[in-house]
Amino acid sequence: NGPQDHLKELVPKLQKRRDLTYKRLNEIEGLSCVKPKGAFYAYPRINFPLPNDSDREFVISLVKETGVLCVYGEGFGQKKGTHHFRIVFLPPEEILSEAFDKIEGFVRKNYSK
């Protein structure tokens, strides 16, 4: 109902962040992600076996080891074993890039063959 002028600047910024998120998540071996169309978060799938078949434990280990906070798929009503997590891409690109570097290192260290 209020002024919408800010959207002209905000939408292109969010599109760049979305594109970065989509690209980086799909570059991490073992993760895959559909490009978000109307949200400011992505919901990547974890395509490798997880301890106790739990994306919750994956996310808890991720935040403890790297400081990167995501929400596990089971927290959004996904059935156990579907292996997703939610990551918001509102932060600036530099911060997102740092987070994706940490996620990539975490996956490589803990889940690569």
PDB file of N, CA and C in Angstrom:
ATOM      1  N   ASN A   1       0.807  -1.208   0.000  1.00  0.00           N
ATOM      2  CA  ASN A   1       0.000   0.000   0.000  1.00  0.00           C
ATOM      3  C   ASN A   1       0.845   1.265   0.000  1.00  0.00           C
ATOM      4  N   GLY A   2       2.090   1.132   0.395  1.00  0.00           N
ATOM      5  CA  GLY A   2       2.953   2.305   0.476  1.00  0.00           C
ATOM      6  C   GLY A   2       3.782   2.470  -0.777  1.00  0.00           C
ATOM      7  N   PRO A   3       4.782   3.340  -0.713  1.00  0.00           N
ATOM      8  CA  PRO A   3       5.655   3.582  -1.862  1.00  0.00           C
ATOM      9  C   PRO A   3       6.368   2.299  -2.298  1.00  0.00           C
ATOM     10  N   GLN A   4       6.552   2.147  -3.585  1.00  0.00           N
ATOM     11  CA  GLN A   4       7.187   0.956  -4.151  1.00  0.00           C
ATOM     12  C   GLN A   4       8.482   1.296  -4.901  1.00  0.00           C
ATOM     13  N   ASP A   5       8.942   2.542  -4.782  1.00  0.00           N
ATOM     14  CA  ASP A   5      10.126   3.004  -5.517  1.00  0.00           C
ATOM     15  C   ASP A   5      11.351   2.131  -5.264  1.00  0.00           C
ATOM     16  N   HIS A   6      11.499   1.662  -4.039  1.00  0.00           N
ATOM     17  CA  HIS A   6      12.682   0.894  -3.655  1.00  0.00           C
ATOM     18  C   HIS A   6      12.812  -0.411  -4.437  1.00  0.00           C
ATOM     19  N   LEU A   7      11.726  -0.910  -4.992  1.00  0.00           N
ATOM     20  CA  LEU A   7      11.762  -2.181  -5.711  1.00  0.00           C
ATOM     21  C   LEU A   7      12.618  -2.116  -6.974  1.00  0.00           C
ATOM     22  N   LYS A   8      12.712  -0.944  -7.583  1.00  0.00           N
ATOM     23  CA  LYS A   8      13.536  -0.798  -8.791  1.00  0.00           C
ATOM     24  C   LYS A   8      15.004  -1.099  -8.500  1.00  0.00           C
ATOM     25  N   GLU A   9      15.457  -0.795  -7.300  1.00  0.00           N
ATOM     26  CA  GLU A   9      16.832  -1.095  -6.903  1.00  0.00           C
ATOM     27  C   GLU A   9      16.949  -2.487  -6.286  1.00  0.00           C
ATOM     28  N   LEU A  10      15.942  -2.875  -5.532  1.00  0.00           N
ATOM     29  CA  LEU A  10      16.002  -4.129  -4.785  1.00  0.00           C
ATOM     30  C   LEU A  10      15.918  -5.359  -5.685  1.00  0.00           C
ATOM     31  N   VAL A  11      15.018  -5.377  -6.638  1.00  0.00           N
ATOM     32  CA  VAL A  11      14.809  -6.565  -7.455  1.00  0.00           C
ATOM     33  C   VAL A  11      16.073  -6.989  -8.208  1.00  0.00           C
ATOM     34  N   PRO A  12      16.777  -6.084  -8.898  1.00  0.00           N
ATOM     35  CA  PRO A  12      18.011  -6.518  -9.570  1.00  0.00           C
ATOM     36  C   PRO A  12      19.074  -7.059  -8.599  1.00  0.00           C
ATOM     37  N   LYS A  13      19.172  -6.476  -7.400  1.00  0.00           N
ATOM     38  CA  LYS A  13      20.120  -6.975  -6.401  1.00  0.00           C
ATOM     39  C   LYS A  13      19.758  -8.406  -5.997  1.00  0.00           C
ATOM     40  N   LEU A  14      18.475  -8.635  -5.746  1.00  0.00           N
ATOM     41  CA  LEU A  14      18.041  -9.974  -5.351  1.00  0.00           C
ATOM     42  C   LEU A  14      18.220 -10.983  -6.477  1.00  0.00           C
ATOM     43  N   GLN A  15      18.019 -10.547  -7.716  1.00  0.00           N
ATOM     44  CA  GLN A  15      18.224 -11.455  -8.850  1.00  0.00           C
ATOM     45  C   GLN A  15      19.689 -11.873  -8.951  1.00  0.00           C
ATOM     46  N   LYS A  16      20.619 -10.931  -8.742  1.00  0.00           N
ATOM     47  CA  LYS A  16      22.044 -11.273  -8.759  1.00  0.00           C
ATOM     48  C   LYS A  16      22.385 -12.239  -7.640  1.00  0.00           C
ATOM     49  N   ARG A  17      21.818 -12.010  -6.475  1.00  0.00           N
ATOM     50  CA  ARG A  17      22.082 -12.885  -5.330  1.00  0.00           C
ATOM     51  C   ARG A  17      21.468 -14.268  -5.558  1.00  0.00           C
ATOM     52  N   ARG A  18      20.286 -14.281  -6.151  1.00  0.00           N
ATOM     53  CA  ARG A  18      19.647 -15.562  -6.478  1.00  0.00           C
ATOM     54  C   ARG A  18      20.501 -16.334  -7.469  1.00  0.00           C
ATOM     55  N   ASP A  19      20.954 -15.647  -8.507  1.00  0.00           N
ATOM     56  CA  ASP A  19      21.759 -16.311  -9.533  1.00  0.00           C
ATOM     57  C   ASP A  19      23.073 -16.843  -8.959  1.00  0.00           C
ATOM     58  N   LEU A  20      23.703 -16.067  -8.090  1.00  0.00           N
ATOM     59  CA  LEU A  20      24.924 -16.514  -7.421  1.00  0.00           C
ATOM     60  C   LEU A  20      24.631 -17.754  -6.571  1.00  0.00           C
ATOM     61  N   THR A  21      23.555 -17.704  -5.826  1.00  0.00           N
ATOM     62  CA  THR A  21      23.173 -18.827  -4.960  1.00  0.00           C
ATOM     63  C   THR A  21      22.932 -20.083  -5.782  1.00  0.00           C
ATOM     64  N   TYR A  22      22.167 -19.962  -6.833  1.00  0.00           N
ATOM     65  CA  TYR A  22      21.851 -21.094  -7.716  1.00  0.00           C
ATOM     66  C   TYR A  22      23.130 -21.688  -8.313  1.00  0.00           C
ATOM     67  N   LYS A  23      23.989 -20.808  -8.822  1.00  0.00           N
ATOM     68  CA  LYS A  23      25.239 -21.249  -9.454  1.00  0.00           C
ATOM     69  C   LYS A  23      26.144 -21.956  -8.450  1.00  0.00           C
ATOM     70  N   ARG A  24      26.374 -21.314  -7.322  1.00  0.00           N
ATOM     71  CA  ARG A  24      27.324 -21.859  -6.337  1.00  0.00           C
ATOM     72  C   ARG A  24      26.829 -23.168  -5.731  1.00  0.00           C
ATOM     73  N   LEU A  25      25.555 -23.243  -5.391  1.00  0.00           N
ATOM     74  CA  LEU A  25      25.040 -24.477  -4.800  1.00  0.00           C
ATOM     75  C   LEU A  25      25.146 -25.639  -5.772  1.00  0.00           C
ATOM     76  N   ASN A  26      24.874 -25.395  -7.048  1.00  0.00           N
ATOM     77  CA  ASN A  26      24.953 -26.462  -8.039  1.00  0.00           C
ATOM     78  C   ASN A  26      26.385 -26.843  -8.377  1.00  0.00           C
ATOM     79  N   GLU A  27      27.339 -25.990  -8.045  1.00  0.00           N
ATOM     80  CA  GLU A  27      28.746 -26.312  -8.268  1.00  0.00           C
ATOM     81  C   GLU A  27      29.330 -27.187  -7.156  1.00  0.00           C
ATOM     82  N   ILE A  28      28.641 -27.274  -6.042  1.00  0.00           N
ATOM     83  CA  ILE A  28      29.123 -28.082  -4.920  1.00  0.00           C
ATOM     84  C   ILE A  28      28.723 -29.530  -5.171  1.00  0.00           C
ATOM     85  N   GLU A  29      29.730 -30.388  -5.275  1.00  0.00           N
ATOM     86  CA  GLU A  29      29.464 -31.800  -5.545  1.00  0.00           C
ATOM     87  C   GLU A  29      28.591 -32.387  -4.444  1.00  0.00           C
ATOM     88  N   GLY A  30      27.470 -32.983  -4.850  1.00  0.00           N
ATOM     89  CA  GLY A  30      26.561 -33.597  -3.898  1.00  0.00           C
ATOM     90  C   GLY A  30      25.357 -32.744  -3.557  1.00  0.00           C
ATOM     91  N   LEU A  31      25.331 -31.486  -4.014  1.00  0.00           N
ATOM     92  CA  LEU A  31      24.168 -30.632  -3.810  1.00  0.00           C
ATOM     93  C   LEU A  31      23.550 -30.291  -5.165  1.00  0.00           C
ATOM     94  N   SER A  32      22.248 -30.097  -5.174  1.00  0.00           N
ATOM     95  CA  SER A  32      21.571 -29.628  -6.382  1.00  0.00           C
ATOM     96  C   SER A  32      20.465 -28.682  -5.959  1.00  0.00           C
ATOM     97  N   CYS A  33      20.163 -27.742  -6.852  1.00  0.00           N
ATOM     98  CA  CYS A  33      19.208 -26.703  -6.484  1.00  0.00           C
ATOM     99  C   CYS A  33      18.449 -26.243  -7.721  1.00  0.00           C
ATOM    100  N   VAL A  34      17.163 -26.051  -7.566  1.00  0.00           N
ATOM    101  CA  VAL A  34      16.323 -25.464  -8.606  1.00  0.00           C
ATOM    102  C   VAL A  34      16.390 -23.952  -8.423  1.00  0.00           C
ATOM    103  N   LYS A  35      16.420 -23.212  -9.529  1.00  0.00           N
ATOM    104  CA  LYS A  35      16.508 -21.753  -9.432  1.00  0.00           C
ATOM    105  C   LYS A  35      15.206 -21.189  -8.856  1.00  0.00           C
ATOM    106  N   PRO A  36      15.295 -20.456  -7.744  1.00  0.00           N
ATOM    107  CA  PRO A  36      14.101 -19.834  -7.164  1.00  0.00           C
ATOM    108  C   PRO A  36      13.500 -18.809  -8.131  1.00  0.00           C
ATOM    109  N   LYS A  37      12.186 -18.739  -8.150  1.00  0.00           N
ATOM    110  CA  LYS A  37      11.520 -17.804  -9.061  1.00  0.00           C
ATOM    111  C   LYS A  37      10.887 -16.622  -8.346  1.00  0.00           C
ATOM    112  N   GLY A  38      10.377 -16.829  -7.143  1.00  0.00           N
ATOM    113  CA  GLY A  38       9.684 -15.727  -6.494  1.00  0.00           C
ATOM    114  C   GLY A  38       9.939 -15.660  -5.007  1.00  0.00           C
ATOM    115  N   ALA A  39      11.079 -16.160  -4.577  1.00  0.00           N
ATOM    116  CA  ALA A  39      11.395 -16.166  -3.147  1.00  0.00           C
ATOM    117  C   ALA A  39      12.799 -15.612  -2.940  1.00  0.00           C
ATOM    118  N   PHE A  40      13.154 -15.370  -1.708  1.00  0.00           N
ATOM    119  CA  PHE A  40      14.509 -14.917  -1.393  1.00  0.00           C
ATOM    120  C   PHE A  40      15.266 -15.993  -0.633  1.00  0.00           C
ATOM    121  N   TYR A  41      14.925 -17.233  -0.922  1.00  0.00           N
ATOM    122  CA  TYR A  41      15.637 -18.362  -0.352  1.00  0.00           C
ATOM    123  C   TYR A  41      15.709 -19.481  -1.389  1.00  0.00           C
ATOM    124  N   ALA A  42      16.672 -20.367  -1.190  1.00  0.00           N
ATOM    125  CA  ALA A  42      16.814 -21.554  -2.029  1.00  0.00           C
ATOM    126  C   ALA A  42      16.639 -22.768  -1.140  1.00  0.00           C
ATOM    127  N   TYR A  43      16.292 -23.877  -1.773  1.00  0.00           N
ATOM    128  CA  TYR A  43      15.990 -25.099  -1.035  1.00  0.00           C
ATOM    129  C   TYR A  43      16.754 -26.260  -1.658  1.00  0.00           C
ATOM    130  N   PRO A  44      18.096 -26.260  -1.503  1.00  0.00           N
ATOM    131  CA  PRO A  44      18.903 -27.294  -2.154  1.00  0.00           C
ATOM    132  C   PRO A  44      18.672 -28.692  -1.592  1.00  0.00           C
ATOM    133  N   ARG A  45      18.873 -29.652  -2.462  1.00  0.00           N
ATOM    134  CA  ARG A  45      18.772 -31.062  -2.093  1.00  0.00           C
ATOM    135  C   ARG A  45      20.174 -31.592  -1.832  1.00  0.00           C
ATOM    136  N   ILE A  46      20.282 -32.405  -0.809  1.00  0.00           N
ATOM    137  CA  ILE A  46      21.531 -33.080  -0.456  1.00  0.00           C
ATOM    138  C   ILE A  46      21.483 -34.459  -1.100  1.00  0.00           C
ATOM    139  N   ASN A  47      22.408 -34.708  -2.026  1.00  0.00           N
ATOM    140  CA  ASN A  47      22.382 -35.935  -2.820  1.00  0.00           C
ATOM    141  C   ASN A  47      23.441 -36.953  -2.389  1.00  0.00           C
ATOM    142  N   PHE A  48      23.735 -37.007  -1.108  1.00  0.00           N
ATOM    143  CA  PHE A  48      24.670 -38.012  -0.596  1.00  0.00           C
ATOM    144  C   PHE A  48      24.105 -38.533   0.716  1.00  0.00           C
ATOM    145  N   PRO A  49      24.511 -39.730   1.104  1.00  0.00           N
ATOM    146  CA  PRO A  49      24.000 -40.314   2.349  1.00  0.00           C
ATOM    147  C   PRO A  49      24.367 -39.451   3.558  1.00  0.00           C
ATOM    148  N   LEU A  50      23.424 -39.333   4.479  1.00  0.00           N
ATOM    149  CA  LEU A  50      23.636 -38.552   5.696  1.00  0.00           C
ATOM    150  C   LEU A  50      23.548 -39.460   6.921  1.00  0.00           C
ATOM    151  N   PRO A  51      24.350 -39.162   7.937  1.00  0.00           N
ATOM    152  CA  PRO A  51      24.239 -39.934   9.179  1.00  0.00           C
ATOM    153  C   PRO A  51      22.808 -39.874   9.711  1.00  0.00           C
ATOM    154  N   ASN A  52      22.298 -40.983  10.110  1.00  0.00           N
ATOM    155  CA  ASN A  52      20.935 -41.089  10.641  1.00  0.00           C
ATOM    156  C   ASN A  52      19.884 -40.606   9.641  1.00  0.00           C
ATOM    157  N   ASP A  53      20.273 -40.506   8.355  1.00  0.00           N
ATOM    158  CA  ASP A  53      19.344 -40.099   7.299  1.00  0.00           C
ATOM    159  C   ASP A  53      18.690 -38.757   7.611  1.00  0.00           C
ATOM    160  N   SER A  54      19.451 -37.829   8.216  1.00  0.00           N
ATOM    161  CA  SER A  54      18.865 -36.612   8.770  1.00  0.00           C
ATOM    162  C   SER A  54      19.501 -35.329   8.237  1.00  0.00           C
ATOM    163  N   ASP A  55      18.699 -34.528   7.509  1.00  0.00           N
ATOM    164  CA  ASP A  55      19.193 -33.215   7.095  1.00  0.00           C
ATOM    165  C   ASP A  55      19.318 -32.288   8.299  1.00  0.00           C
ATOM    166  N   ARG A  56      18.602 -32.582   9.365  1.00  0.00           N
ATOM    167  CA  ARG A  56      18.713 -31.803  10.600  1.00  0.00           C
ATOM    168  C   ARG A  56      20.135 -31.900  11.152  1.00  0.00           C
ATOM    169  N   GLU A  57      20.655 -33.099  11.218  1.00  0.00           N
ATOM    170  CA  GLU A  57      22.020 -33.277  11.730  1.00  0.00           C
ATOM    171  C   GLU A  57      23.049 -32.630  10.815  1.00  0.00           C
ATOM    172  N   PHE A  58      22.810 -32.659   9.494  1.00  0.00           N
ATOM    173  CA  PHE A  58      23.697 -31.997   8.537  1.00  0.00           C
ATOM    174  C   PHE A  58      23.786 -30.511   8.862  1.00  0.00           C
ATOM    175  N   VAL A  59      22.643 -29.865   9.035  1.00  0.00           N
ATOM    176  CA  VAL A  59      22.602 -28.423   9.276  1.00  0.00           C
ATOM    177  C   VAL A  59      23.212 -28.065  10.635  1.00  0.00           C
ATOM    178  N   ILE A  60      22.964 -28.889  11.641  1.00  0.00           N
ATOM    179  CA  ILE A  60      23.552 -28.634  12.965  1.00  0.00           C
ATOM    180  C   ILE A  60      25.073 -28.744  12.890  1.00  0.00           C
ATOM    181  N   SER A  61      25.573 -29.760  12.208  1.00  0.00           N
ATOM    182  CA  SER A  61      27.027 -29.904  12.045  1.00  0.00           C
ATOM    183  C   SER A  61      27.595 -28.740  11.247  1.00  0.00           C
ATOM    184  N   LEU A  62      26.878 -28.318  10.200  1.00  0.00           N
ATOM    185  CA  LEU A  62      27.328 -27.195   9.373  1.00  0.00           C
ATOM    186  C   LEU A  62      27.492 -25.929  10.201  1.00  0.00           C
ATOM    187  N   VAL A  63      26.513 -25.589  11.011  1.00  0.00           N
ATOM    188  CA  VAL A  63      26.615 -24.352  11.794  1.00  0.00           C
ATOM    189  C   VAL A  63      27.688 -24.469  12.871  1.00  0.00           C
ATOM    190  N   LYS A  64      27.826 -25.635  13.484  1.00  0.00           N
ATOM    191  CA  LYS A  64      28.863 -25.807  14.517  1.00  0.00           C
ATOM    192  C   LYS A  64      30.259 -25.693  13.932  1.00  0.00           C
ATOM    193  N   GLU A  65      30.452 -26.253  12.746  1.00  0.00           N
ATOM    194  CA  GLU A  65      31.789 -26.285  12.150  1.00  0.00           C
ATOM    195  C   GLU A  65      32.141 -25.004  11.396  1.00  0.00           C
ATOM    196  N   THR A  66      31.149 -24.357  10.773  1.00  0.00           N
ATOM    197  CA  THR A  66      31.454 -23.232   9.886  1.00  0.00           C
ATOM    198  C   THR A  66      30.835 -21.908  10.308  1.00  0.00           C
ATOM    199  N   GLY A  67      29.801 -21.951  11.138  1.00  0.00           N
ATOM    200  CA  GLY A  67      29.084 -20.730  11.492  1.00  0.00           C
ATOM    201  C   GLY A  67      28.013 -20.352  10.487  1.00  0.00           C
ATOM    202  N   VAL A  68      27.833 -21.161   9.440  1.00  0.00           N
ATOM    203  CA  VAL A  68      26.808 -20.887   8.425  1.00  0.00           C
ATOM    204  C   VAL A  68      25.490 -21.482   8.905  1.00  0.00           C
ATOM    205  N   LEU A  69      24.505 -20.615   9.060  1.00  0.00           N
ATOM    206  CA  LEU A  69      23.206 -21.035   9.574  1.00  0.00           C
ATOM    207  C   LEU A  69      22.207 -21.223   8.439  1.00  0.00           C
ATOM    208  N   CYS A  70      21.659 -22.414   8.355  1.00  0.00           N
ATOM    209  CA  CYS A  70      20.596 -22.762   7.413  1.00  0.00           C
ATOM    210  C   CYS A  70      19.506 -23.435   8.237  1.00  0.00           C
ATOM    211  N   VAL A  71      18.404 -23.747   7.605  1.00  0.00           N
ATOM    212  CA  VAL A  71      17.340 -24.480   8.279  1.00  0.00           C
ATOM    213  C   VAL A  71      17.170 -25.811   7.574  1.00  0.00           C
ATOM    214  N   TYR A  72      17.048 -26.872   8.329  1.00  0.00           N
ATOM    215  CA  TYR A  72      16.918 -28.200   7.754  1.00  0.00           C
ATOM    216  C   TYR A  72      15.514 -28.405   7.172  1.00  0.00           C
ATOM    217  N   GLY A  73      15.437 -29.240   6.161  1.00  0.00           N
ATOM    218  CA  GLY A  73      14.173 -29.492   5.478  1.00  0.00           C
ATOM    219  C   GLY A  73      13.093 -30.047   6.372  1.00  0.00           C
ATOM    220  N   GLU A  74      13.475 -30.910   7.304  1.00  0.00           N
ATOM    221  CA  GLU A  74      12.502 -31.475   8.228  1.00  0.00           C
ATOM    222  C   GLU A  74      11.820 -30.363   9.037  1.00  0.00           C
ATOM    223  N   GLY A  75      12.505 -29.240   9.220  1.00  0.00           N
ATOM    224  CA  GLY A  75      11.938 -28.097   9.936  1.00  0.00           C
ATOM    225  C   GLY A  75      10.853 -27.387   9.160  1.00  0.00           C
ATOM    226  N   PHE A  76      10.730 -27.695   7.873  1.00  0.00           N
ATOM    227  CA  PHE A  76       9.683 -27.124   7.031  1.00  0.00           C
ATOM    228  C   PHE A  76       8.666 -28.179   6.619  1.00  0.00           C
ATOM    229  N   GLY A  77       8.637 -29.262   7.380  1.00  0.00           N
ATOM    230  CA  GLY A  77       7.632 -30.278   7.130  1.00  0.00           C
ATOM    231  C   GLY A  77       8.025 -31.358   6.138  1.00  0.00           C
ATOM    232  N   GLN A  78       9.277 -31.330   5.653  1.00  0.00           N
ATOM    233  CA  GLN A  78       9.731 -32.390   4.759  1.00  0.00           C
ATOM    234  C   GLN A  78       9.841 -33.693   5.547  1.00  0.00           C
ATOM    235  N   LYS A  79       9.489 -34.783   4.899  1.00  0.00           N
ATOM    236  CA  LYS A  79       9.636 -36.080   5.548  1.00  0.00           C
ATOM    237  C   LYS A  79      11.106 -36.378   5.759  1.00  0.00           C
ATOM    238  N   LYS A  80      11.399 -37.056   6.856  1.00  0.00           N
ATOM    239  CA  LYS A  80      12.771 -37.467   7.124  1.00  0.00           C
ATOM    240  C   LYS A  80      13.272 -38.287   5.943  1.00  0.00           C
ATOM    241  N   GLY A  81      14.480 -37.983   5.505  1.00  0.00           N
ATOM    242  CA  GLY A  81      15.069 -38.720   4.396  1.00  0.00           C
ATOM    243  C   GLY A  81      14.970 -38.010   3.062  1.00  0.00           C
ATOM    244  N   THR A  82      14.279 -36.876   3.003  1.00  0.00           N
ATOM    245  CA  THR A  82      14.195 -36.149   1.726  1.00  0.00           C
ATOM    246  C   THR A  82      15.417 -35.262   1.498  1.00  0.00           C
ATOM    247  N   HIS A  83      16.140 -34.939   2.564  1.00  0.00           N
ATOM    248  CA  HIS A  83      17.459 -34.294   2.489  1.00  0.00           C
ATOM    249  C   HIS A  83      17.477 -32.951   1.760  1.00  0.00           C
ATOM    250  N   HIS A  84      16.876 -31.970   2.347  1.00  0.00           N
ATOM    251  CA  HIS A  84      16.924 -30.598   1.850  1.00  0.00           C
ATOM    252  C   HIS A  84      17.345 -29.673   2.987  1.00  0.00           C
ATOM    253  N   PHE A  85      17.776 -28.479   2.621  1.00  0.00           N
ATOM    254  CA  PHE A  85      17.943 -27.418   3.605  1.00  0.00           C
ATOM    255  C   PHE A  85      17.597 -26.101   2.935  1.00  0.00           C
ATOM    256  N   ARG A  86      17.278 -25.121   3.735  1.00  0.00           N
ATOM    257  CA  ARG A  86      16.860 -23.820   3.212  1.00  0.00           C
ATOM    258  C   ARG A  86      17.940 -22.801   3.542  1.00  0.00           C
ATOM    259  N   ILE A  87      18.302 -22.017   2.536  1.00  0.00           N
ATOM    260  CA  ILE A  87      19.287 -20.960   2.736  1.00  0.00           C
ATOM    261  C   ILE A  87      18.748 -19.662   2.140  1.00  0.00           C
ATOM    262  N   VAL A  88      18.807 -18.606   2.910  1.00  0.00           N
ATOM    263  CA  VAL A  88      18.290 -17.299   2.497  1.00  0.00           C
ATOM    264  C   VAL A  88      19.394 -16.555   1.762  1.00  0.00           C
ATOM    265  N   PHE A  89      19.049 -15.906   0.635  1.00  0.00           N
ATOM    266  CA  PHE A  89      20.079 -15.175  -0.109  1.00  0.00           C
ATOM    267  C   PHE A  89      19.883 -13.662  -0.070  1.00  0.00           C
ATOM    268  N   LEU A  90      19.449 -13.142   1.067  1.00  0.00           N
ATOM    269  CA  LEU A  90      19.325 -11.694   1.243  1.00  0.00           C
ATOM    270  C   LEU A  90      20.656 -10.983   1.526  1.00  0.00           C
ATOM    271  N   PRO A  91      21.632 -11.644   2.141  1.00  0.00           N
ATOM    272  CA  PRO A  91      22.894 -10.940   2.421  1.00  0.00           C
ATOM    273  C   PRO A  91      23.616 -10.503   1.142  1.00  0.00           C
ATOM    274  N   PRO A  92      24.508  -9.533   1.252  1.00  0.00           N
ATOM    275  CA  PRO A  92      25.295  -9.099   0.096  1.00  0.00           C
ATOM    276  C   PRO A  92      26.090 -10.262  -0.511  1.00  0.00           C
ATOM    277  N   GLU A  93      26.437 -10.109  -1.779  1.00  0.00           N
ATOM    278  CA  GLU A  93      27.123 -11.169  -2.528  1.00  0.00           C
ATOM    279  C   GLU A  93      28.426 -11.616  -1.867  1.00  0.00           C
ATOM    280  N   GLU A  94      29.168 -10.692  -1.279  1.00  0.00           N
ATOM    281  CA  GLU A  94      30.434 -11.060  -0.642  1.00  0.00           C
ATOM    282  C   GLU A  94      30.187 -12.034   0.513  1.00  0.00           C
ATOM    283  N   ILE A  95      29.165 -11.768   1.294  1.00  0.00           N
ATOM    284  CA  ILE A  95      28.843 -12.628   2.432  1.00  0.00           C
ATOM    285  C   ILE A  95      28.320 -13.971   1.935  1.00  0.00           C
ATOM    286  N   LEU A  96      27.489 -13.948   0.901  1.00  0.00           N
ATOM    287  CA  LEU A  96      26.999 -15.199   0.322  1.00  0.00           C
ATOM    288  C   LEU A  96      28.157 -16.037  -0.209  1.00  0.00           C
ATOM    289  N   SER A  97      29.081 -15.409  -0.912  1.00  0.00           N
ATOM    290  CA  SER A  97      30.230 -16.141  -1.463  1.00  0.00           C
ATOM    291  C   SER A  97      31.039 -16.794  -0.356  1.00  0.00           C
ATOM    292  N   GLU A  98      31.250 -16.075   0.724  1.00  0.00           N
ATOM    293  CA  GLU A  98      31.983 -16.629   1.863  1.00  0.00           C
ATOM    294  C   GLU A  98      31.224 -17.827   2.444  1.00  0.00           C
ATOM    295  N   ALA A  99      29.912 -17.705   2.573  1.00  0.00           N
ATOM    296  CA  ALA A  99      29.103 -18.812   3.104  1.00  0.00           C
ATOM    297  C   ALA A  99      29.173 -20.023   2.181  1.00  0.00           C
ATOM    298  N   PHE A 100      29.093 -19.807   0.873  1.00  0.00           N
ATOM    299  CA  PHE A 100      29.152 -20.926  -0.066  1.00  0.00           C
ATOM    300  C   PHE A 100      30.529 -21.587  -0.063  1.00  0.00           C
ATOM    301  N   ASP A 101      31.575 -20.792   0.121  1.00  0.00           N
ATOM    302  CA  ASP A 101      32.916 -21.369   0.252  1.00  0.00           C
ATOM    303  C   ASP A 101      32.972 -22.285   1.477  1.00  0.00           C
ATOM    304  N   LYS A 102      32.378 -21.842   2.566  1.00  0.00           N
ATOM    305  CA  LYS A 102      32.381 -22.639   3.791  1.00  0.00           C
ATOM    306  C   LYS A 102      31.534 -23.900   3.628  1.00  0.00           C
ATOM    307  N   ILE A 103      30.386 -23.777   2.984  1.00  0.00           N
ATOM    308  CA  ILE A 103      29.541 -24.954   2.749  1.00  0.00           C
ATOM    309  C   ILE A 103      30.282 -25.951   1.872  1.00  0.00           C
ATOM    310  N   GLU A 104      30.921 -25.456   0.828  1.00  0.00           N
ATOM    311  CA  GLU A 104      31.666 -26.340  -0.069  1.00  0.00           C
ATOM    312  C   GLU A 104      32.784 -27.067   0.674  1.00  0.00           C
ATOM    313  N   GLY A 105      33.537 -26.341   1.497  1.00  0.00           N
ATOM    314  CA  GLY A 105      34.603 -26.957   2.272  1.00  0.00           C
ATOM    315  C   GLY A 105      34.066 -27.984   3.256  1.00  0.00           C
ATOM    316  N   PHE A 106      32.949 -27.673   3.882  1.00  0.00           N
ATOM    317  CA  PHE A 106      32.316 -28.585   4.831  1.00  0.00           C
ATOM    318  C   PHE A 106      31.886 -29.879   4.140  1.00  0.00           C
ATOM    319  N   VAL A 107      31.243 -29.753   2.999  1.00  0.00           N
ATOM    320  CA  VAL A 107      30.791 -30.938   2.258  1.00  0.00           C
ATOM    321  C   VAL A 107      31.989 -31.749   1.794  1.00  0.00           C
ATOM    322  N   ARG A 108      32.992 -31.073   1.244  1.00  0.00           N
ATOM    323  CA  ARG A 108      34.186 -31.772   0.757  1.00  0.00           C
ATOM    324  C   ARG A 108      34.873 -32.535   1.889  1.00  0.00           C
ATOM    325  N   LYS A 109      35.014 -31.886   3.029  1.00  0.00           N
ATOM    326  CA  LYS A 109      35.710 -32.477   4.172  1.00  0.00           C
ATOM    327  C   LYS A 109      34.931 -33.667   4.763  1.00  0.00           C
ATOM    328  N   ASN A 110      33.625 -33.530   4.868  1.00  0.00           N
ATOM    329  CA  ASN A 110      32.832 -34.510   5.610  1.00  0.00           C
ATOM    330  C   ASN A 110      32.080 -35.528   4.776  1.00  0.00           C
ATOM    331  N   TYR A 111      31.894 -35.256   3.477  1.00  0.00           N
ATOM    332  CA  TYR A 111      31.042 -36.130   2.698  1.00  0.00           C
ATOM    333  C   TYR A 111      31.624 -36.577   1.367  1.00  0.00           C
ATOM    334  N   SER A 112      32.777 -36.087   0.990  1.00  0.00           N
ATOM    335  CA  SER A 112      33.381 -36.511  -0.284  1.00  0.00           C
ATOM    336  C   SER A 112      34.041 -37.866  -0.119  1.00  0.00           C
ATOM    337  N   LYS A 113      34.110 -38.589  -1.226  1.00  0.00           N
ATOM    338  CA  LYS A 113      34.695 -39.932  -1.202  1.00  0.00           C
ATOM    339  C   LYS A 113      36.206 -39.867  -1.213  1.00  0.00           C
TER     340      LYS A 113
END
